[in-house]
PDB file of N, CA and C in Angstrom:
ATOM      1  N   MET A   1      -3.779   7.860  16.267  1.00  0.00           N
ATOM      2  CA  MET A   1      -4.654   7.955  15.119  1.00  0.00           C
ATOM      3  C   MET A   1      -4.855   6.543  14.569  1.00  0.00           C
ATOM      4  N   THR A   2      -6.064   6.225  14.245  1.00  0.00           N
ATOM      5  CA  THR A   2      -6.366   4.883  13.773  1.00  0.00           C
ATOM      6  C   THR A   2      -6.120   4.772  12.281  1.00  0.00           C
ATOM      7  N   GLU A   3      -6.094   3.539  11.806  1.00  0.00           N
ATOM      8  CA  GLU A   3      -5.869   3.311  10.382  1.00  0.00           C
ATOM      9  C   GLU A   3      -6.994   3.906   9.551  1.00  0.00           C
ATOM     10  N   SER A   4      -8.246   3.802  10.042  1.00  0.00           N
ATOM     11  CA  SER A   4      -9.368   4.356   9.284  1.00  0.00           C
ATOM     12  C   SER A   4      -9.296   5.876   9.226  1.00  0.00           C
ATOM     13  N   THR A   5      -8.796   6.519  10.300  1.00  0.00           N
ATOM     14  CA  THR A   5      -8.640   7.968  10.281  1.00  0.00           C
ATOM     15  C   THR A   5      -7.586   8.364   9.259  1.00  0.00           C
ATOM     16  N   ASN A   6      -6.462   7.630   9.222  1.00  0.00           N
ATOM     17  CA  ASN A   6      -5.426   7.913   8.221  1.00  0.00           C
ATOM     18  C   ASN A   6      -5.967   7.751   6.821  1.00  0.00           C
ATOM     19  N   ALA A   7      -6.762   6.707   6.585  1.00  0.00           N
ATOM     20  CA  ALA A   7      -7.323   6.458   5.261  1.00  0.00           C
ATOM     21  C   ALA A   7      -8.263   7.581   4.853  1.00  0.00           C
ATOM     22  N   SER A   8      -9.107   8.054   5.774  1.00  0.00           N
ATOM     23  CA  SER A   8     -10.051   9.113   5.415  1.00  0.00           C
ATOM     24  C   SER A   8      -9.325  10.420   5.132  1.00  0.00           C
ATOM     25  N   THR A   9      -8.238  10.698   5.873  1.00  0.00           N
ATOM     26  CA  THR A   9      -7.459  11.900   5.606  1.00  0.00           C
ATOM     27  C   THR A   9      -6.819  11.817   4.234  1.00  0.00           C
ATOM     28  N   ALA A  10      -6.257  10.663   3.907  1.00  0.00           N
ATOM     29  CA  ALA A  10      -5.626  10.487   2.600  1.00  0.00           C
ATOM     30  C   ALA A  10      -6.637  10.622   1.480  1.00  0.00           C
ATOM     31  N   GLU A  11      -7.877  10.153   1.690  1.00  0.00           N
ATOM     32  CA  GLU A  11      -8.897  10.243   0.658  1.00  0.00           C
ATOM     33  C   GLU A  11      -9.314  11.682   0.401  1.00  0.00           C
ATOM     34  N   GLN A  12      -9.159  12.575   1.399  1.00  0.00           N
ATOM     35  CA  GLN A  12      -9.551  13.970   1.241  1.00  0.00           C
ATOM     36  C   GLN A  12      -8.530  14.767   0.435  1.00  0.00           C
ATOM     37  N   ARG A  13      -7.327  14.265   0.306  1.00  0.00           N
ATOM     38  CA  ARG A  13      -6.285  14.986  -0.412  1.00  0.00           C
ATOM     39  C   ARG A  13      -6.475  14.853  -1.910  1.00  0.00           C
ATOM     40  N   ARG A  14      -6.124  15.927  -2.636  1.00  0.00           N
ATOM     41  CA  ARG A  14      -6.227  15.916  -4.093  1.00  0.00           C
ATOM     42  C   ARG A  14      -5.162  15.019  -4.710  1.00  0.00           C
ATOM     43  N   VAL A  15      -3.976  15.036  -4.145  1.00  0.00           N
ATOM     44  CA  VAL A  15      -2.880  14.173  -4.591  1.00  0.00           C
ATOM     45  C   VAL A  15      -2.194  13.620  -3.355  1.00  0.00           C
ATOM     46  N   PRO A  16      -1.620  12.430  -3.439  1.00  0.00           N
ATOM     47  CA  PRO A  16      -0.951  11.874  -2.263  1.00  0.00           C
ATOM     48  C   PRO A  16       0.309  12.656  -1.928  1.00  0.00           C
ATOM     49  N   ARG A  17       0.615  12.711  -0.649  1.00  0.00           N
ATOM     50  CA  ARG A  17       1.863  13.329  -0.222  1.00  0.00           C
ATOM     51  C   ARG A  17       2.934  12.261  -0.175  1.00  0.00           C
ATOM     52  N   LEU A  18       4.127  12.649  -0.570  1.00  0.00           N
ATOM     53  CA  LEU A  18       5.259  11.739  -0.527  1.00  0.00           C
ATOM     54  C   LEU A  18       6.123  12.064   0.678  1.00  0.00           C
ATOM     55  N   ARG A  19       6.611  11.025   1.328  1.00  0.00           N
ATOM     56  CA  ARG A  19       7.469  11.210   2.484  1.00  0.00           C
ATOM     57  C   ARG A  19       8.782  11.845   2.043  1.00  0.00           C
ATOM     58  N   THR A  20       9.241  12.814   2.821  1.00  0.00           N
ATOM     59  CA  THR A  20      10.480  13.511   2.506  1.00  0.00           C
ATOM     60  C   THR A  20      11.273  13.727   3.787  1.00  0.00           C
ATOM     61  N   LEU A  21      12.482  14.169   3.627  1.00  0.00           N
ATOM     62  CA  LEU A  21      13.317  14.612   4.732  1.00  0.00           C
ATOM     63  C   LEU A  21      14.106  15.809   4.218  1.00  0.00           C
ATOM     64  N   LEU A  22      13.375  16.917   4.025  1.00  0.00           N
ATOM     65  CA  LEU A  22      13.952  18.126   3.454  1.00  0.00           C
ATOM     66  C   LEU A  22      14.026  19.223   4.500  1.00  0.00           C
ATOM     67  N   GLY A  23      15.055  20.023   4.413  1.00  0.00           N
ATOM     68  CA  GLY A  23      15.132  21.204   5.261  1.00  0.00           C
ATOM     69  C   GLY A  23      14.266  22.304   4.679  1.00  0.00           C
ATOM     70  N   GLY A  24      13.576  23.025   5.533  1.00  0.00           N
ATOM     71  CA  GLY A  24      12.734  24.125   5.094  1.00  0.00           C
ATOM     72  C   GLY A  24      12.946  25.340   5.973  1.00  0.00           C
ATOM     73  N   ILE A  25      12.515  26.482   5.480  1.00  0.00           N
ATOM     74  CA  ILE A  25      12.624  27.723   6.239  1.00  0.00           C
ATOM     75  C   ILE A  25      11.273  28.419   6.221  1.00  0.00           C
ATOM     76  N   VAL A  26      10.718  28.648   7.396  1.00  0.00           N
ATOM     77  CA  VAL A  26       9.478  29.409   7.552  1.00  0.00           C
ATOM     78  C   VAL A  26       9.875  30.882   7.595  1.00  0.00           C
ATOM     79  N   GLN A  27       9.269  31.683   6.711  1.00  0.00           N
ATOM     80  CA  GLN A  27       9.594  33.103   6.626  1.00  0.00           C
ATOM     81  C   GLN A  27       8.326  33.926   6.827  1.00  0.00           C
ATOM     82  N   PHE A  28       8.385  34.906   7.739  1.00  0.00           N
ATOM     83  CA  PHE A  28       7.236  35.776   7.957  1.00  0.00           C
ATOM     84  C   PHE A  28       7.722  37.151   8.375  1.00  0.00           C
ATOM     85  N   ASP A  29       6.805  38.075   8.611  1.00  0.00           N
ATOM     86  CA  ASP A  29       7.148  39.476   8.892  1.00  0.00           C
ATOM     87  C   ASP A  29       8.055  40.041   7.797  1.00  0.00           C
ATOM     88  N   ASP A  30       7.589  39.926   6.545  1.00  0.00           N
ATOM     89  CA  ASP A  30       8.351  40.404   5.382  1.00  0.00           C
ATOM     90  C   ASP A  30       9.745  39.786   5.338  1.00  0.00           C
ATOM     91  N   HIS A  31       9.820  38.500   5.691  1.00  0.00           N
ATOM     92  CA  HIS A  31      11.058  37.703   5.682  1.00  0.00           C
ATOM     93  C   HIS A  31      12.081  38.184   6.700  1.00  0.00           C
ATOM     94  N   MET A  32      11.659  39.015   7.654  1.00  0.00           N
ATOM     95  CA  MET A  32      12.549  39.468   8.723  1.00  0.00           C
ATOM     96  C   MET A  32      12.664  38.426   9.831  1.00  0.00           C
ATOM     97  N   SER A  33      11.679  37.548   9.947  1.00  0.00           N
ATOM     98  CA  SER A  33      11.678  36.491  10.948  1.00  0.00           C
ATOM     99  C   SER A  33      11.680  35.142  10.237  1.00  0.00           C
ATOM    100  N   THR A  34      12.506  34.213  10.719  1.00  0.00           N
ATOM    101  CA  THR A  34      12.579  32.892  10.113  1.00  0.00           C
ATOM    102  C   THR A  34      12.649  31.819  11.189  1.00  0.00           C
ATOM    103  N   MET A  35      12.228  30.624  10.817  1.00  0.00           N
ATOM    104  CA  MET A  35      12.321  29.442  11.677  1.00  0.00           C
ATOM    105  C   MET A  35      12.713  28.275  10.776  1.00  0.00           C
ATOM    106  N   ASP A  36      13.659  27.478  11.221  1.00  0.00           N
ATOM    107  CA  ASP A  36      14.012  26.278  10.467  1.00  0.00           C
ATOM    108  C   ASP A  36      13.006  25.179  10.759  1.00  0.00           C
ATOM    109  N   CYS A  37      12.747  24.341   9.774  1.00  0.00           N
ATOM    110  CA  CYS A  37      11.827  23.225   9.952  1.00  0.00           C
ATOM    111  C   CYS A  37      12.300  22.049   9.106  1.00  0.00           C
ATOM    112  N   THR A  38      11.711  20.902   9.359  1.00  0.00           N
ATOM    113  CA  THR A  38      11.947  19.710   8.555  1.00  0.00           C
ATOM    114  C   THR A  38      10.654  19.368   7.854  1.00  0.00           C
ATOM    115  N   ILE A  39      10.698  19.221   6.546  1.00  0.00           N
ATOM    116  CA  ILE A  39       9.513  18.876   5.765  1.00  0.00           C
ATOM    117  C   ILE A  39       9.468  17.355   5.685  1.00  0.00           C
ATOM    118  N   ARG A  40       8.447  16.760   6.322  1.00  0.00           N
ATOM    119  CA  ARG A  40       8.351  15.308   6.424  1.00  0.00           C
ATOM    120  C   ARG A  40       7.501  14.681   5.321  1.00  0.00           C
ATOM    121  N   SER A  41       6.583  15.439   4.744  1.00  0.00           N
ATOM    122  CA  SER A  41       5.827  14.966   3.581  1.00  0.00           C
ATOM    123  C   SER A  41       5.458  16.189   2.753  1.00  0.00           C
ATOM    124  N   LEU A  42       5.293  15.952   1.439  1.00  0.00           N
ATOM    125  CA  LEU A  42       5.113  17.078   0.528  1.00  0.00           C
ATOM    126  C   LEU A  42       4.324  16.642  -0.689  1.00  0.00           C
ATOM    127  N   SER A  43       3.433  17.511  -1.138  1.00  0.00           N
ATOM    128  CA  SER A  43       2.752  17.338  -2.421  1.00  0.00           C
ATOM    129  C   SER A  43       2.687  18.708  -3.071  1.00  0.00           C
ATOM    130  N   ALA A  44       2.077  18.781  -4.215  1.00  0.00           N
ATOM    131  CA  ALA A  44       1.943  20.063  -4.895  1.00  0.00           C
ATOM    132  C   ALA A  44       1.009  21.005  -4.142  1.00  0.00           C
ATOM    133  N   TYR A  45       0.188  20.472  -3.233  1.00  0.00           N
ATOM    134  CA  TYR A  45      -0.815  21.282  -2.553  1.00  0.00           C
ATOM    135  C   TYR A  45      -0.648  21.362  -1.044  1.00  0.00           C
ATOM    136  N   GLY A  46       0.251  20.587  -0.447  1.00  0.00           N
ATOM    137  CA  GLY A  46       0.364  20.599   0.994  1.00  0.00           C
ATOM    138  C   GLY A  46       1.658  19.995   1.491  1.00  0.00           C
ATOM    139  N   ALA A  47       1.874  20.149   2.794  1.00  0.00           N
ATOM    140  CA  ALA A  47       3.088  19.623   3.416  1.00  0.00           C
ATOM    141  C   ALA A  47       2.819  19.364   4.883  1.00  0.00           C
ATOM    142  N   ARG A  48       3.634  18.477   5.443  1.00  0.00           N
ATOM    143  CA  ARG A  48       3.659  18.277   6.896  1.00  0.00           C
ATOM    144  C   ARG A  48       5.063  18.626   7.340  1.00  0.00           C
ATOM    145  N   VAL A  49       5.161  19.535   8.305  1.00  0.00           N
ATOM    146  CA  VAL A  49       6.463  19.988   8.777  1.00  0.00           C
ATOM    147  C   VAL A  49       6.614  19.692  10.257  1.00  0.00           C
ATOM    148  N   GLU A  50       7.872  19.601  10.681  1.00  0.00           N
ATOM    149  CA  GLU A  50       8.203  19.463  12.098  1.00  0.00           C
ATOM    150  C   GLU A  50       9.137  20.603  12.464  1.00  0.00           C
ATOM    151  N   LEU A  51       8.867  21.218  13.603  1.00  0.00           N
ATOM    152  CA  LEU A  51       9.741  22.255  14.122  1.00  0.00           C
ATOM    153  C   LEU A  51       9.562  22.340  15.619  1.00  0.00           C
ATOM    154  N   ALA A  52      10.553  22.864  16.288  1.00  0.00           N
ATOM    155  CA  ALA A  52      10.580  22.850  17.745  1.00  0.00           C
ATOM    156  C   ALA A  52       9.367  23.542  18.368  1.00  0.00           C
ATOM    157  N   GLU A  53       8.884  24.585  17.773  1.00  0.00           N
ATOM    158  CA  GLU A  53       7.790  25.353  18.368  1.00  0.00           C
ATOM    159  C   GLU A  53       6.684  25.594  17.348  1.00  0.00           C
ATOM    160  N   ALA A  54       6.004  24.539  16.958  1.00  0.00           N
ATOM    161  CA  ALA A  54       4.954  24.657  15.943  1.00  0.00           C
ATOM    162  C   ALA A  54       3.843  25.606  16.395  1.00  0.00           C
ATOM    163  N   PHE A  55       3.622  25.701  17.687  1.00  0.00           N
ATOM    164  CA  PHE A  55       2.565  26.588  18.183  1.00  0.00           C
ATOM    165  C   PHE A  55       2.869  28.053  17.884  1.00  0.00           C
ATOM    166  N   ARG A  56       4.138  28.387  17.594  1.00  0.00           N
ATOM    167  CA  ARG A  56       4.507  29.770  17.307  1.00  0.00           C
ATOM    168  C   ARG A  56       4.354  30.141  15.836  1.00  0.00           C
ATOM    169  N   LEU A  57       4.020  29.167  15.003  1.00  0.00           N
ATOM    170  CA  LEU A  57       3.841  29.466  13.582  1.00  0.00           C
ATOM    171  C   LEU A  57       2.699  30.454  13.383  1.00  0.00           C
ATOM    172  N   PRO A  58       2.902  31.459  12.533  1.00  0.00           N
ATOM    173  CA  PRO A  58       1.765  32.305  12.180  1.00  0.00           C
ATOM    174  C   PRO A  58       0.795  31.508  11.315  1.00  0.00           C
ATOM    175  N   ASP A  59      -0.423  31.986  11.177  1.00  0.00           N
ATOM    176  CA  ASP A  59      -1.422  31.267  10.384  1.00  0.00           C
ATOM    177  C   ASP A  59      -1.047  31.184   8.912  1.00  0.00           C
ATOM    178  N   ALA A  60      -0.324  32.164   8.397  1.00  0.00           N
ATOM    179  CA  ALA A  60       0.117  32.166   6.994  1.00  0.00           C
ATOM    180  C   ALA A  60       1.550  32.687   6.936  1.00  0.00           C
ATOM    181  N   PHE A  61       2.349  32.118   6.038  1.00  0.00           N
ATOM    182  CA  PHE A  61       3.755  32.488   5.917  1.00  0.00           C
ATOM    183  C   PHE A  61       4.296  31.942   4.606  1.00  0.00           C
ATOM    184  N   ASP A  62       5.545  32.248   4.317  1.00  0.00           N
ATOM    185  CA  ASP A  62       6.225  31.674   3.160  1.00  0.00           C
ATOM    186  C   ASP A  62       7.057  30.490   3.637  1.00  0.00           C
ATOM    187  N   LEU A  63       7.010  29.394   2.883  1.00  0.00           N
ATOM    188  CA  LEU A  63       7.804  28.214   3.176  1.00  0.00           C
ATOM    189  C   LEU A  63       8.843  28.059   2.071  1.00  0.00           C
ATOM    190  N   ALA A  64      10.105  28.267   2.427  1.00  0.00           N
ATOM    191  CA  ALA A  64      11.203  28.107   1.471  1.00  0.00           C
ATOM    192  C   ALA A  64      11.708  26.672   1.547  1.00  0.00           C
ATOM    193  N   ILE A  65      11.914  26.077   0.369  1.00  0.00           N
ATOM    194  CA  ILE A  65      12.474  24.729   0.260  1.00  0.00           C
ATOM    195  C   ILE A  65      13.736  24.865  -0.577  1.00  0.00           C
ATOM    196  N   PRO A  66      14.878  25.126   0.073  1.00  0.00           N
ATOM    197  CA  PRO A  66      16.112  25.373  -0.680  1.00  0.00           C
ATOM    198  C   PRO A  66      16.502  24.232  -1.613  1.00  0.00           C
ATOM    199  N   HIS A  67      16.293  22.990  -1.219  1.00  0.00           N
ATOM    200  CA  HIS A  67      16.668  21.849  -2.052  1.00  0.00           C
ATOM    201  C   HIS A  67      15.935  21.862  -3.399  1.00  0.00           C
ATOM    202  N   HIS A  68      14.707  22.360  -3.406  1.00  0.00           N
ATOM    203  CA  HIS A  68      13.928  22.458  -4.645  1.00  0.00           C
ATOM    204  C   HIS A  68      14.017  23.847  -5.266  1.00  0.00           C
ATOM    205  N   ASP A  69      14.718  24.761  -4.603  1.00  0.00           N
ATOM    206  CA  ASP A  69      14.815  26.146  -5.055  1.00  0.00           C
ATOM    207  C   ASP A  69      13.420  26.744  -5.247  1.00  0.00           C
ATOM    208  N   GLN A  70      12.562  26.545  -4.220  1.00  0.00           N
ATOM    209  CA  GLN A  70      11.179  27.008  -4.298  1.00  0.00           C
ATOM    210  C   GLN A  70      10.790  27.749  -3.017  1.00  0.00           C
ATOM    211  N   VAL A  71       9.847  28.665  -3.170  1.00  0.00           N
ATOM    212  CA  VAL A  71       9.208  29.317  -2.028  1.00  0.00           C
ATOM    213  C   VAL A  71       7.710  29.269  -2.291  1.00  0.00           C
ATOM    214  N   HIS A  72       6.957  28.760  -1.318  1.00  0.00           N
ATOM    215  CA  HIS A  72       5.508  28.640  -1.443  1.00  0.00           C
ATOM    216  C   HIS A  72       4.824  29.447  -0.363  1.00  0.00           C
ATOM    217  N   ARG A  73       3.675  29.981  -0.672  1.00  0.00           N
ATOM    218  CA  ARG A  73       2.830  30.589   0.347  1.00  0.00           C
ATOM    219  C   ARG A  73       2.130  29.435   1.055  1.00  0.00           C
ATOM    220  N   ALA A  74       2.133  29.430   2.383  1.00  0.00           N
ATOM    221  CA  ALA A  74       1.567  28.323   3.149  1.00  0.00           C
ATOM    222  C   ALA A  74       0.598  28.845   4.207  1.00  0.00           C
ATOM    223  N   GLU A  75      -0.436  28.042   4.462  1.00  0.00           N
ATOM    224  CA  GLU A  75      -1.395  28.320   5.537  1.00  0.00           C
ATOM    225  C   GLU A  75      -1.446  27.102   6.442  1.00  0.00           C
ATOM    226  N   VAL A  76      -1.461  27.337   7.747  1.00  0.00           N
ATOM    227  CA  VAL A  76      -1.525  26.239   8.707  1.00  0.00           C
ATOM    228  C   VAL A  76      -2.945  25.684   8.736  1.00  0.00           C
ATOM    229  N   ILE A  77      -3.062  24.367   8.580  1.00  0.00           N
ATOM    230  CA  ILE A  77      -4.349  23.677   8.631  1.00  0.00           C
ATOM    231  C   ILE A  77      -4.550  23.037  10.000  1.00  0.00           C
ATOM    232  N   TRP A  78      -3.493  22.456  10.554  1.00  0.00           N
ATOM    233  CA  TRP A  78      -3.549  21.839  11.873  1.00  0.00           C
ATOM    234  C   TRP A  78      -2.178  21.909  12.544  1.00  0.00           C
ATOM    235  N   ARG A  79      -2.174  21.803  13.882  1.00  0.00           N
ATOM    236  CA  ARG A  79      -0.946  21.773  14.680  1.00  0.00           C
ATOM    237  C   ARG A  79      -1.101  20.702  15.736  1.00  0.00           C
ATOM    238  N   ARG A  80      -0.066  19.880  15.916  1.00  0.00           N
ATOM    239  CA  ARG A  80      -0.047  18.872  16.977  1.00  0.00           C
ATOM    240  C   ARG A  80       1.374  18.756  17.483  1.00  0.00           C
ATOM    241  N   GLY A  81       1.615  19.223  18.697  1.00  0.00           N
ATOM    242  CA  GLY A  81       2.954  19.154  19.268  1.00  0.00           C
ATOM    243  C   GLY A  81       3.961  19.886  18.404  1.00  0.00           C
ATOM    244  N   GLU A  82       4.949  19.149  17.909  1.00  0.00           N
ATOM    245  CA  GLU A  82       6.002  19.742  17.082  1.00  0.00           C
ATOM    246  C   GLU A  82       5.704  19.625  15.593  1.00  0.00           C
ATOM    247  N   ARG A  83       4.491  19.202  15.238  1.00  0.00           N
ATOM    248  CA  ARG A  83       4.126  19.019  13.823  1.00  0.00           C
ATOM    249  C   ARG A  83       3.028  19.991  13.422  1.00  0.00           C
ATOM    250  N   ALA A  84       2.996  20.277  12.126  1.00  0.00           N
ATOM    251  CA  ALA A  84       1.938  21.126  11.571  1.00  0.00           C
ATOM    252  C   ALA A  84       1.649  20.680  10.147  1.00  0.00           C
ATOM    253  N   GLY A  85       0.376  20.708   9.773  1.00  0.00           N
ATOM    254  CA  GLY A  85      -0.050  20.425   8.412  1.00  0.00           C
ATOM    255  C   GLY A  85      -0.309  21.730   7.694  1.00  0.00           C
ATOM    256  N   LEU A  86       0.204  21.845   6.484  1.00  0.00           N
ATOM    257  CA  LEU A  86       0.118  23.088   5.735  1.00  0.00           C
ATOM    258  C   LEU A  86      -0.595  22.894   4.405  1.00  0.00           C
ATOM    259  N   ALA A  87      -1.324  23.902   4.000  1.00  0.00           N
ATOM    260  CA  ALA A  87      -1.851  23.980   2.635  1.00  0.00           C
ATOM    261  C   ALA A  87      -0.959  24.954   1.887  1.00  0.00           C
ATOM    262  N   LEU A  88      -0.465  24.533   0.746  1.00  0.00           N
ATOM    263  CA  LEU A  88       0.339  25.412  -0.091  1.00  0.00           C
ATOM    264  C   LEU A  88      -0.625  26.133  -1.025  1.00  0.00           C
ATOM    265  N   THR A  89      -0.784  27.432  -0.806  1.00  0.00           N
ATOM    266  CA  THR A  89      -1.858  28.174  -1.472  1.00  0.00           C
ATOM    267  C   THR A  89      -1.413  28.936  -2.709  1.00  0.00           C
ATOM    268  N   ASP A  90      -0.120  28.936  -3.018  1.00  0.00           N
ATOM    269  CA  ASP A  90       0.324  29.710  -4.167  1.00  0.00           C
ATOM    270  C   ASP A  90       0.196  28.955  -5.480  1.00  0.00           C
ATOM    271  N   LEU A  91      -0.168  27.692  -5.418  1.00  0.00           N
ATOM    272  CA  LEU A  91      -0.305  26.893  -6.626  1.00  0.00           C
ATOM    273  C   LEU A  91      -1.751  26.901  -7.092  1.00  0.00           C
ATOM    274  N   LYS A  92      -1.936  27.067  -8.379  1.00  0.00           N
ATOM    275  CA  LYS A  92      -3.286  27.076  -8.921  1.00  0.00           C
ATOM    276  C   LYS A  92      -3.827  25.652  -8.952  1.00  0.00           C
ATOM    277  N   PRO A  93      -5.064  25.454  -8.487  1.00  0.00           N
ATOM    278  CA  PRO A  93      -5.634  24.109  -8.552  1.00  0.00           C
ATOM    279  C   PRO A  93      -5.740  23.654 -10.003  1.00  0.00           C
ATOM    280  N   ARG A  94      -5.434  22.398 -10.223  1.00  0.00           N
ATOM    281  CA  ARG A  94      -5.582  21.826 -11.552  1.00  0.00           C
ATOM    282  C   ARG A  94      -6.035  20.396 -11.389  1.00  0.00           C
ATOM    283  N   GLU A  95      -6.464  19.829 -12.462  1.00  0.00           N
ATOM    284  CA  GLU A  95      -6.914  18.441 -12.409  1.00  0.00           C
ATOM    285  C   GLU A  95      -5.746  17.572 -11.986  1.00  0.00           C
ATOM    286  N   ALA A  96      -5.907  16.889 -10.867  1.00  0.00           N
ATOM    287  CA  ALA A  96      -4.831  16.048 -10.347  1.00  0.00           C
ATOM    288  C   ALA A  96      -4.844  14.691 -11.048  1.00  0.00           C
ATOM    289  N   PRO A  97      -3.676  14.169 -11.356  1.00  0.00           N
ATOM    290  CA  PRO A  97      -3.630  12.833 -11.954  1.00  0.00           C
ATOM    291  C   PRO A  97      -4.060  11.789 -10.934  1.00  0.00           C
ATOM    292  N   VAL A  98      -4.601  10.710 -11.408  1.00  0.00           N
ATOM    293  CA  VAL A  98      -5.011   9.621 -10.527  1.00  0.00           C
ATOM    294  C   VAL A  98      -3.790   8.785 -10.201  1.00  0.00           C
ATOM    295  N   HIS A  99      -3.545   8.563  -8.897  1.00  0.00           N
ATOM    296  CA  HIS A  99      -2.363   7.841  -8.454  1.00  0.00           C
ATOM    297  C   HIS A  99      -2.694   6.454  -7.912  1.00  0.00           C
ATOM    298  N   ARG A 100      -3.861   5.930  -8.205  1.00  0.00           N
ATOM    299  CA  ARG A 100      -4.209   4.613  -7.705  1.00  0.00           C
ATOM    300  C   ARG A 100      -3.410   3.545  -8.429  1.00  0.00           C
ATOM    301  N   HIS A 101      -3.025   2.539  -7.687  1.00  0.00           N
ATOM    302  CA  HIS A 101      -2.336   1.371  -8.235  1.00  0.00           C
ATOM    303  C   HIS A 101      -0.985   1.723  -8.859  1.00  0.00           C
ATOM    304  N   MET A 102      -0.336   2.747  -8.348  1.00  0.00           N
ATOM    305  CA  MET A 102       0.981   3.105  -8.845  1.00  0.00           C
ATOM    306  C   MET A 102       2.033   2.532  -7.893  1.00  0.00           C
ATOM    307  N   THR A 103       3.158   2.160  -8.435  1.00  0.00           N
ATOM    308  CA  THR A 103       4.259   1.682  -7.610  1.00  0.00           C
ATOM    309  C   THR A 103       4.884   2.887  -6.897  1.00  0.00           C
ATOM    310  N   PRO A 104       5.641   2.653  -5.823  1.00  0.00           N
ATOM    311  CA  PRO A 104       6.318   3.775  -5.159  1.00  0.00           C
ATOM    312  C   PRO A 104       7.202   4.575  -6.122  1.00  0.00           C
ATOM    313  N   ARG A 105       7.863   3.884  -7.045  1.00  0.00           N
ATOM    314  CA  ARG A 105       8.706   4.586  -8.012  1.00  0.00           C
ATOM    315  C   ARG A 105       7.869   5.483  -8.926  1.00  0.00           C
ATOM    316  N   GLN A 106       6.711   4.974  -9.376  1.00  0.00           N
ATOM    317  CA  GLN A 106       5.828   5.774 -10.220  1.00  0.00           C
ATOM    318  C   GLN A 106       5.283   6.975  -9.450  1.00  0.00           C
ATOM    319  N   LEU A 107       4.950   6.773  -8.167  1.00  0.00           N
ATOM    320  CA  LEU A 107       4.477   7.881  -7.338  1.00  0.00           C
ATOM    321  C   LEU A 107       5.544   8.959  -7.211  1.00  0.00           C
ATOM    322  N   ARG A 108       6.809   8.543  -6.973  1.00  0.00           N
ATOM    323  CA  ARG A 108       7.899   9.518  -6.856  1.00  0.00           C
ATOM    324  C   ARG A 108       8.058  10.307  -8.138  1.00  0.00           C
ATOM    325  N   ARG A 109       8.010   9.616  -9.272  1.00  0.00           N
ATOM    326  CA  ARG A 109       8.156  10.308 -10.556  1.00  0.00           C
ATOM    327  C   ARG A 109       6.998  11.267 -10.811  1.00  0.00           C
ATOM    328  N   ALA A 110       5.782  10.834 -10.476  1.00  0.00           N
ATOM    329  CA  ALA A 110       4.610  11.711 -10.643  1.00  0.00           C
ATOM    330  C   ALA A 110       4.746  12.941  -9.758  1.00  0.00           C
ATOM    331  N   HIS A 111       5.215  12.737  -8.527  1.00  0.00           N
ATOM    332  CA  HIS A 111       5.401  13.859  -7.611  1.00  0.00           C
ATOM    333  C   HIS A 111       6.458  14.821  -8.147  1.00  0.00           C
ATOM    334  N   GLN A 112       7.580  14.289  -8.642  1.00  0.00           N
ATOM    335  CA  GLN A 112       8.621  15.143  -9.192  1.00  0.00           C
ATOM    336  C   GLN A 112       8.103  15.951 -10.371  1.00  0.00           C
ATOM    337  N   LYS A 113       7.285  15.330 -11.207  1.00  0.00           N
ATOM    338  CA  LYS A 113       6.704  16.035 -12.355  1.00  0.00           C
ATOM    339  C   LYS A 113       5.752  17.135 -11.875  1.00  0.00           C
ATOM    340  N   GLU A 114       4.934  16.834 -10.863  1.00  0.00           N
ATOM    341  CA  GLU A 114       4.014  17.846 -10.341  1.00  0.00           C
ATOM    342  C   GLU A 114       4.782  19.028  -9.771  1.00  0.00           C
ATOM    343  N   MET A 115       5.856  18.768  -9.046  1.00  0.00           N
ATOM    344  CA  MET A 115       6.641  19.847  -8.468  1.00  0.00           C
ATOM    345  C   MET A 115       7.314  20.675  -9.573  1.00  0.00           C
ATOM    346  N   ALA A 116       7.814  20.006 -10.611  1.00  0.00           N
ATOM    347  CA  ALA A 116       8.435  20.713 -11.730  1.00  0.00           C
ATOM    348  C   ALA A 116       7.397  21.545 -12.476  1.00  0.00           C
ATOM    349  N   ASP A 117       6.205  20.984 -12.688  1.00  0.00           N
ATOM    350  CA  ASP A 117       5.129  21.719 -13.370  1.00  0.00           C
ATOM    351  C   ASP A 117       4.697  22.930 -12.567  1.00  0.00           C
ATOM    352  N   ALA A 118       4.765  22.831 -11.242  1.00  0.00           N
ATOM    353  CA  ALA A 118       4.333  23.931 -10.387  1.00  0.00           C
ATOM    354  C   ALA A 118       5.240  25.153 -10.541  1.00  0.00           C
ATOM    355  N   LEU A 119       6.465  24.939 -10.974  1.00  0.00           N
ATOM    356  CA  LEU A 119       7.392  26.048 -11.169  1.00  0.00           C
ATOM    357  C   LEU A 119       7.052  26.884 -12.394  1.00  0.00           C
ATOM    358  N   TYR A 120       6.352  26.287 -13.343  1.00  0.00           N
ATOM    359  CA  TYR A 120       6.110  26.970 -14.619  1.00  0.00           C
ATOM    360  C   TYR A 120       4.686  27.301 -14.826  1.00  0.00           C
TER     361      TYR A 120
END
């Protein structure tokens, strides 16, 4: 993927995704079936996950993030090898704060606030 492709993808997002290394659990079939995954980036509206068999992901499922004590409804947007891009659909769209010219620390704090706000 080229730098311009990465830039255009980032411009399409409502809020920037922050890099993470969180354990996640894909839950489907009324939570009777599960798959472990690693959440590599996360925002209030989407995530990028890695798992051994991304091609086996259903189109929609619940994504549990135990570290955040959260469960989100997720839809697969794209799949490439062991990676998949997800839209988190259980959150109501709201006016996203502008994150231009923010330091990495400010971005992390803004992301933490967005995730906390999403719970309430």
